[in-house]
Amino acid sequence: MTDQPTREDAPRSCTVGEDVLRVHELVGADDPRPKCGAGEGETVDEWLRAVNCPECR
């Protein structure tokens, strides 16, 4: 058995609008907004990716 993180262990993350390179952490389980407030009113897509937004870390 490996020590790979599971989906349950990983923080919920997202991209905002057309920017698919910057990955943000979501505010919470029931709140699909980036912690840093990026992309006010833009579409948020949830991913299982490492957060790389410096403001969300």
N, C-alpha and C. Protein backbone atom coordinates (compact mmCIF):
# COMPACT_ATOMS: atom_id res chain seq x y z
N MET A 1 0.85 -1.18 0.00
CA MET A 1 0.00 0.00 0.00
C MET A 1 0.89 1.24 0.00
N THR A 2 0.51 2.24 -0.80
CA THR A 2 1.29 3.47 -0.87
C THR A 2 0.70 4.54 0.02
N ASP A 3 1.49 5.57 0.25
CA ASP A 3 1.03 6.70 1.06
C ASP A 3 0.56 7.85 0.18
N GLN A 4 -0.05 7.54 -0.95
CA GLN A 4 -0.58 8.55 -1.86
C GLN A 4 -1.75 9.27 -1.19
N PRO A 5 -1.81 10.60 -1.33
CA PRO A 5 -2.97 11.31 -0.79
C PRO A 5 -4.24 10.92 -1.56
N THR A 6 -5.34 10.92 -0.88
CA THR A 6 -6.61 10.59 -1.51
C THR A 6 -7.40 11.87 -1.75
N ARG A 7 -8.48 11.77 -2.47
CA ARG A 7 -9.32 12.94 -2.72
C ARG A 7 -9.82 13.54 -1.41
N GLU A 8 -10.08 12.70 -0.43
CA GLU A 8 -10.57 13.19 0.86
C GLU A 8 -9.49 13.98 1.60
N ASP A 9 -8.20 13.67 1.36
CA ASP A 9 -7.11 14.37 2.02
C ASP A 9 -6.76 15.69 1.35
N ALA A 10 -6.97 15.77 0.05
CA ALA A 10 -6.55 16.93 -0.73
C ALA A 10 -7.48 18.11 -0.49
N PRO A 11 -6.92 19.33 -0.49
CA PRO A 11 -7.81 20.50 -0.39
C PRO A 11 -8.63 20.62 -1.66
N ARG A 12 -9.83 21.12 -1.56
CA ARG A 12 -10.66 21.34 -2.75
C ARG A 12 -10.06 22.51 -3.49
N SER A 13 -9.85 22.33 -4.77
CA SER A 13 -9.21 23.37 -5.56
C SER A 13 -10.00 23.65 -6.83
N CYS A 14 -9.71 24.81 -7.45
CA CYS A 14 -10.47 25.22 -8.62
C CYS A 14 -9.64 26.14 -9.51
N THR A 15 -10.11 26.28 -10.73
CA THR A 15 -9.63 27.33 -11.61
C THR A 15 -10.80 28.28 -11.84
N VAL A 16 -10.49 29.51 -12.27
CA VAL A 16 -11.51 30.53 -12.44
C VAL A 16 -11.49 31.03 -13.87
N GLY A 17 -12.65 31.01 -14.51
CA GLY A 17 -12.78 31.53 -15.86
C GLY A 17 -11.86 30.84 -16.85
N GLU A 18 -11.22 31.62 -17.70
CA GLU A 18 -10.34 31.09 -18.75
C GLU A 18 -8.94 30.74 -18.25
N ASP A 19 -8.57 31.17 -17.05
CA ASP A 19 -7.23 30.92 -16.50
C ASP A 19 -7.18 29.51 -15.89
N VAL A 20 -6.68 28.55 -16.66
CA VAL A 20 -6.61 27.18 -16.18
C VAL A 20 -5.25 26.83 -15.59
N LEU A 21 -4.34 27.79 -15.54
CA LEU A 21 -3.02 27.53 -14.99
C LEU A 21 -2.93 27.86 -13.50
N ARG A 22 -3.62 28.88 -13.06
CA ARG A 22 -3.60 29.25 -11.64
C ARG A 22 -4.69 28.47 -10.93
N VAL A 23 -4.29 27.68 -9.93
CA VAL A 23 -5.23 26.81 -9.20
C VAL A 23 -5.40 27.38 -7.79
N HIS A 24 -6.65 27.64 -7.43
CA HIS A 24 -7.00 28.25 -6.15
C HIS A 24 -7.59 27.22 -5.20
N GLU A 25 -7.48 27.48 -3.90
CA GLU A 25 -8.17 26.64 -2.92
C GLU A 25 -9.56 27.21 -2.71
N LEU A 26 -10.55 26.32 -2.61
CA LEU A 26 -11.92 26.76 -2.38
C LEU A 26 -12.13 27.14 -0.93
N VAL A 27 -13.06 28.05 -0.69
CA VAL A 27 -13.35 28.53 0.66
C VAL A 27 -13.79 27.39 1.57
N GLY A 28 -14.72 26.56 1.11
CA GLY A 28 -15.20 25.47 1.94
C GLY A 28 -16.00 24.47 1.14
N ALA A 29 -16.51 23.45 1.83
CA ALA A 29 -17.23 22.37 1.17
C ALA A 29 -18.50 22.85 0.48
N ASP A 30 -19.16 23.83 1.05
CA ASP A 30 -20.41 24.32 0.47
C ASP A 30 -20.26 25.69 -0.18
N ASP A 31 -19.03 26.16 -0.34
CA ASP A 31 -18.79 27.50 -0.88
C ASP A 31 -17.79 27.42 -2.03
N PRO A 32 -18.24 27.46 -3.27
CA PRO A 32 -17.36 27.27 -4.43
C PRO A 32 -16.66 28.56 -4.88
N ARG A 33 -16.13 29.33 -3.94
CA ARG A 33 -15.36 30.53 -4.29
C ARG A 33 -13.91 30.34 -3.89
N PRO A 34 -12.96 30.93 -4.65
CA PRO A 34 -11.56 30.86 -4.27
C PRO A 34 -11.32 31.65 -2.98
N LYS A 35 -10.42 31.15 -2.13
CA LYS A 35 -10.10 31.84 -0.87
C LYS A 35 -9.60 33.26 -1.10
N CYS A 36 -8.85 33.47 -2.18
CA CYS A 36 -8.25 34.79 -2.43
C CYS A 36 -9.24 35.77 -3.04
N GLY A 37 -10.43 35.31 -3.44
CA GLY A 37 -11.42 36.19 -4.01
C GLY A 37 -11.27 36.43 -5.51
N ALA A 38 -10.43 35.68 -6.17
CA ALA A 38 -10.20 35.86 -7.60
C ALA A 38 -11.46 35.60 -8.40
N GLY A 39 -11.60 36.31 -9.51
CA GLY A 39 -12.66 36.04 -10.47
C GLY A 39 -14.06 36.27 -9.98
N GLU A 40 -14.30 37.38 -9.34
CA GLU A 40 -15.64 37.69 -8.84
C GLU A 40 -16.67 37.55 -9.95
N GLY A 41 -17.62 36.64 -9.77
CA GLY A 41 -18.70 36.43 -10.73
C GLY A 41 -18.35 35.55 -11.92
N GLU A 42 -17.11 35.06 -12.00
CA GLU A 42 -16.72 34.19 -13.12
C GLU A 42 -17.00 32.72 -12.78
N THR A 43 -17.00 31.89 -13.82
CA THR A 43 -17.23 30.46 -13.65
C THR A 43 -16.06 29.82 -12.91
N VAL A 44 -16.38 28.96 -11.94
CA VAL A 44 -15.38 28.23 -11.17
C VAL A 44 -15.50 26.75 -11.52
N ASP A 45 -14.36 26.13 -11.88
CA ASP A 45 -14.32 24.70 -12.17
C ASP A 45 -13.47 24.00 -11.13
N GLU A 46 -14.06 23.02 -10.44
CA GLU A 46 -13.33 22.28 -9.40
C GLU A 46 -12.45 21.21 -10.03
N TRP A 47 -11.24 21.06 -9.49
CA TRP A 47 -10.26 20.10 -9.97
C TRP A 47 -9.62 19.38 -8.79
N LEU A 48 -8.99 18.26 -9.08
CA LEU A 48 -8.14 17.60 -8.10
C LEU A 48 -6.70 17.90 -8.52
N ARG A 49 -6.27 19.11 -8.23
CA ARG A 49 -4.95 19.60 -8.61
C ARG A 49 -4.34 20.33 -7.43
N ALA A 50 -3.02 20.42 -7.43
CA ALA A 50 -2.31 21.13 -6.37
C ALA A 50 -2.56 22.63 -6.49
N VAL A 51 -2.82 23.27 -5.36
CA VAL A 51 -3.04 24.71 -5.32
C VAL A 51 -1.71 25.40 -5.59
N ASN A 52 -1.70 26.36 -6.54
CA ASN A 52 -0.48 27.10 -6.81
C ASN A 52 -0.67 28.61 -6.72
N CYS A 53 -1.83 29.06 -6.31
CA CYS A 53 -2.08 30.49 -6.12
C CYS A 53 -1.40 30.91 -4.81
N PRO A 54 -0.45 31.85 -4.86
CA PRO A 54 0.25 32.26 -3.63
C PRO A 54 -0.67 32.86 -2.58
N GLU A 55 -1.75 33.51 -3.01
CA GLU A 55 -2.68 34.14 -2.05
C GLU A 55 -3.58 33.12 -1.36
N CYS A 56 -3.80 31.98 -1.99
CA CYS A 56 -4.66 30.95 -1.39
C CYS A 56 -3.88 30.02 -0.46
N ARG A 57 -2.57 29.96 -0.61
CA ARG A 57 -1.79 29.03 0.21
C ARG A 57 -1.62 29.49 1.60
